[in-house]
Amino acid sequence: PAYAEGTFTGFYAGAEVGAARSDTKTTVTPATGAAATRTSKKTQADLGVFAGYGYQFDNGFYLGAEASANRPTAQNKAVTLGGVSVRERPQYDLAFKGVAGLGISDSTLVYASAGVAQVKSKYLLPNNITRNATSSGRVLGVGVAQAFGDNLIGRVEYENTTFDRKSYVTAGAPTVAYKPASNRVSVGLAYKF
């Protein structure tokens, strides 16, 4: 098919609902003795918004950029490691991605994305200390977008996000390190301007 009008060309903004499986690796290292490590796995729903711009060439090839934010609808529970209670509670995720895709029909686009991500979390540390902090990482994704008329675009997307390791030292208590990661599937609807 021809894409002279660029079916997916333009600015767009939308909202999405997702199911994210978090895989947070937590390590508690006492002053003496062996470290204790556990990977906490939790699947929960989240809500998000996104906006971006894309350009579709005459041959169907697509290039774009997108920013997004999402927030979980539930919180992780505390776990006990090395005799202390610890927890990582994500507050929200932000991401900025480049997108490349190819039209497989005049109204359907398959695409891949890659970019940087940041998560803000509340950490429960030994001695009932809490701390808010952000972690940076990378995000990779694939998806399918479907145009409905001139302005509505629906999509289904999978993303894998891995964040940097964060370590916290509390006086008189073990060192606690967190390394968050997630796998997320989402369904979204956007309006193309």
Protein backbone atom coordinates (compact mmCIF):
# COMPACT_ATOMS: atom_id res chain seq x y z
CA PRO A 1 0.00 0.00 0.00
CA ALA A 2 0.98 3.64 -0.43
CA TYR A 3 1.49 5.89 2.60
CA ALA A 4 1.58 9.28 0.89
CA GLU A 5 -0.67 10.76 3.60
CA GLY A 6 1.28 9.05 6.40
CA THR A 7 -1.43 7.15 8.29
CA PHE A 8 0.59 7.37 11.51
CA THR A 9 2.23 10.76 10.88
CA GLY A 10 1.59 13.46 13.47
CA PHE A 11 1.46 14.33 17.14
CA TYR A 12 -0.54 12.02 19.38
CA ALA A 13 -1.48 11.59 23.04
CA GLY A 14 -3.30 8.85 24.87
CA ALA A 15 -3.86 6.68 27.92
CA GLU A 16 -3.22 3.03 28.66
CA VAL A 17 -3.85 0.30 31.20
CA GLY A 18 -1.21 -2.32 31.82
CA ALA A 19 -0.28 -5.43 33.75
CA ALA A 20 3.28 -5.27 35.07
CA ARG A 21 5.28 -8.07 36.67
CA SER A 22 7.95 -6.58 38.91
CA ASP A 23 11.10 -8.55 39.67
CA THR A 24 12.98 -6.66 42.37
CA LYS A 25 16.21 -8.23 43.60
CA THR A 26 16.85 -7.28 47.23
CA THR A 27 20.14 -7.96 49.01
CA VAL A 28 20.75 -7.46 52.74
CA THR A 29 24.43 -7.50 53.75
CA PRO A 30 25.24 -7.53 57.48
CA ALA A 31 28.49 -6.12 58.90
CA THR A 32 29.63 -9.70 59.44
CA GLY A 33 28.36 -12.88 57.85
CA ALA A 34 26.85 -13.80 54.51
CA ALA A 35 24.50 -11.63 52.47
CA ALA A 36 20.88 -12.68 52.01
CA THR A 37 19.22 -12.17 48.61
CA ARG A 38 15.64 -12.55 47.40
CA THR A 39 13.87 -11.66 44.16
CA SER A 40 10.34 -10.46 44.88
CA LYS A 41 7.88 -11.09 42.04
CA LYS A 42 4.53 -9.31 41.94
CA THR A 43 2.02 -8.76 39.13
CA GLN A 44 -0.17 -5.69 39.40
CA ALA A 45 -2.20 -3.34 37.24
CA ASP A 46 -1.03 0.15 36.40
CA LEU A 47 -2.38 3.20 34.61
CA GLY A 48 -0.40 5.38 32.25
CA VAL A 49 -0.38 8.30 29.83
CA PHE A 50 1.82 8.86 26.78
CA ALA A 51 2.46 11.42 24.05
CA GLY A 52 4.76 11.69 21.07
CA TYR A 53 5.34 12.43 17.44
CA GLY A 54 5.93 10.09 14.52
CA TYR A 55 6.49 10.31 10.79
CA GLN A 56 5.55 7.57 8.34
CA PHE A 57 7.34 7.59 5.00
CA ASP A 58 5.78 6.71 1.65
CA ASN A 59 7.19 3.17 1.84
CA GLY A 60 5.54 2.57 5.23
CA PHE A 61 8.67 2.98 7.37
CA TYR A 62 8.00 4.86 10.61
CA LEU A 63 10.22 6.88 12.96
CA GLY A 64 9.11 8.64 16.12
CA ALA A 65 9.75 9.59 19.73
CA GLU A 66 7.52 9.18 22.77
CA ALA A 67 7.39 10.14 26.44
CA SER A 68 5.29 8.19 28.95
CA ALA A 69 4.41 7.97 32.64
CA ASN A 70 2.63 5.25 34.58
CA ARG A 71 1.66 4.54 38.16
CA PRO A 72 0.96 1.18 39.85
CA THR A 73 -2.47 0.63 41.39
CA ALA A 74 -1.09 -1.53 44.25
CA GLN A 75 2.02 -1.60 46.42
CA ASN A 76 4.64 -4.27 47.10
CA LYS A 77 4.60 -5.96 50.51
CA ALA A 78 7.55 -5.97 52.87
CA VAL A 79 9.85 -9.02 52.98
CA THR A 80 12.14 -10.16 55.79
CA LEU A 81 15.78 -10.80 54.93
CA GLY A 82 18.67 -11.20 57.35
CA GLY A 83 16.32 -10.52 60.25
CA VAL A 84 15.18 -7.09 58.97
CA SER A 85 12.02 -5.98 57.18
CA VAL A 86 12.61 -4.31 53.80
CA ARG A 87 10.41 -3.11 50.96
CA GLU A 88 10.59 -1.27 47.64
CA ARG A 89 7.39 0.59 46.68
CA PRO A 90 7.36 2.12 43.19
CA GLN A 91 5.51 5.46 43.05
CA TYR A 92 5.66 6.10 39.30
CA ASP A 93 7.74 5.35 36.18
CA LEU A 94 8.84 7.81 33.50
CA ALA A 95 10.29 6.88 30.09
CA PHE A 96 11.52 8.54 26.90
CA LYS A 97 11.84 6.28 23.86
CA GLY A 98 12.73 6.29 20.21
CA VAL A 99 10.35 4.27 18.03
CA ALA A 100 10.91 2.58 14.65
CA GLY A 101 8.28 0.60 12.79
CA LEU A 102 6.85 -0.62 9.51
CA GLY A 103 3.32 -0.49 8.15
CA ILE A 104 2.04 -3.97 7.26
CA SER A 105 -1.20 -2.52 5.87
CA ASP A 106 -2.56 0.97 5.34
CA SER A 107 -3.87 1.01 8.93
CA THR A 108 -1.59 -1.36 10.89
CA LEU A 109 1.91 -0.67 12.20
CA VAL A 110 4.37 -3.01 13.93
CA TYR A 111 7.13 -1.29 15.86
CA ALA A 112 10.00 -1.57 18.32
CA SER A 113 11.14 1.00 20.87
CA ALA A 114 14.18 1.66 23.02
CA GLY A 115 15.02 4.39 25.49
CA VAL A 116 15.73 5.48 29.03
CA ALA A 117 13.50 5.08 32.08
CA GLN A 118 13.33 6.38 35.62
CA VAL A 119 11.37 5.06 38.59
CA LYS A 120 10.65 6.91 41.82
CA SER A 121 10.24 4.57 44.78
CA LYS A 122 9.80 4.63 48.52
CA TYR A 123 12.23 2.28 50.28
CA LEU A 124 11.71 0.74 53.69
CA LEU A 125 15.08 0.28 55.38
CA PRO A 126 16.17 -1.26 58.71
CA ASN A 127 15.13 0.51 61.93
CA ASN A 128 11.86 1.57 60.23
CA ILE A 129 13.62 4.23 58.16
CA THR A 130 11.99 5.18 54.84
CA ARG A 131 13.66 6.96 51.96
CA ASN A 132 12.42 8.27 48.61
CA ALA A 133 14.81 7.85 45.70
CA THR A 134 14.93 7.51 41.93
CA SER A 135 16.62 4.83 39.84
CA SER A 136 17.53 5.13 36.14
CA GLY A 137 17.63 2.36 33.58
CA ARG A 138 16.76 1.27 30.07
CA VAL A 139 13.50 0.19 28.47
CA LEU A 140 12.94 -1.99 25.38
CA GLY A 141 9.59 -2.68 23.77
CA VAL A 142 7.64 -4.07 20.83
CA GLY A 143 4.07 -3.41 19.79
CA VAL A 144 1.30 -3.29 17.23
CA ALA A 145 -0.73 -0.15 16.48
CA GLN A 146 -4.05 -0.04 14.63
CA ALA A 147 -5.56 3.12 13.16
CA PHE A 148 -9.33 3.58 13.40
CA GLY A 149 -10.19 6.34 10.97
CA ASP A 150 -8.09 9.49 10.76
CA ASN A 151 -7.58 10.25 14.45
CA LEU A 152 -7.90 7.22 16.74
CA ILE A 153 -5.06 4.72 17.23
CA GLY A 154 -5.25 1.64 19.41
CA ARG A 155 -2.18 -0.34 20.41
CA VAL A 156 -0.91 -3.36 22.30
CA GLU A 157 2.63 -3.19 23.67
CA TYR A 158 5.18 -5.24 25.62
CA GLU A 159 8.05 -3.57 27.50
CA ASN A 160 11.02 -4.85 29.49
CA THR A 161 12.61 -2.37 31.90
CA THR A 162 15.77 -2.83 33.99
CA PHE A 163 16.93 -0.25 36.52
CA ASP A 164 20.29 0.40 38.17
CA ARG A 165 21.12 -1.09 41.56
CA LYS A 166 20.61 1.18 44.58
CA SER A 167 22.38 0.62 47.92
CA TYR A 168 21.53 2.16 51.29
CA VAL A 169 23.61 2.19 54.46
CA THR A 170 21.86 2.72 57.81
CA ALA A 171 23.93 3.28 60.95
CA GLY A 172 24.09 0.15 63.08
CA ALA A 173 22.14 -1.94 60.55
CA PRO A 174 22.85 -4.11 57.50
CA THR A 175 23.37 -2.56 54.05
CA VAL A 176 20.32 -2.95 51.81
CA ALA A 177 20.51 -2.99 48.00
CA TYR A 178 17.63 -2.98 45.52
CA LYS A 179 17.70 -3.72 41.78
CA PRO A 180 14.21 -3.24 40.25
CA ALA A 181 13.09 -4.71 36.92
CA SER A 182 9.72 -5.29 35.25
CA ASN A 183 7.93 -6.87 32.32
CA ARG A 184 4.78 -5.06 31.24
CA VAL A 185 1.95 -5.62 28.75
CA SER A 186 -0.39 -2.70 28.05
CA VAL A 187 -3.36 -1.73 25.92
CA GLY A 188 -3.69 1.91 24.93
CA LEU A 189 -5.79 4.33 22.92
CA ALA A 190 -4.43 7.57 21.45
CA TYR A 191 -5.78 10.56 19.60
CA LYS A 192 -3.69 11.74 16.62
CA PHE A 193 -3.82 15.50 16.06
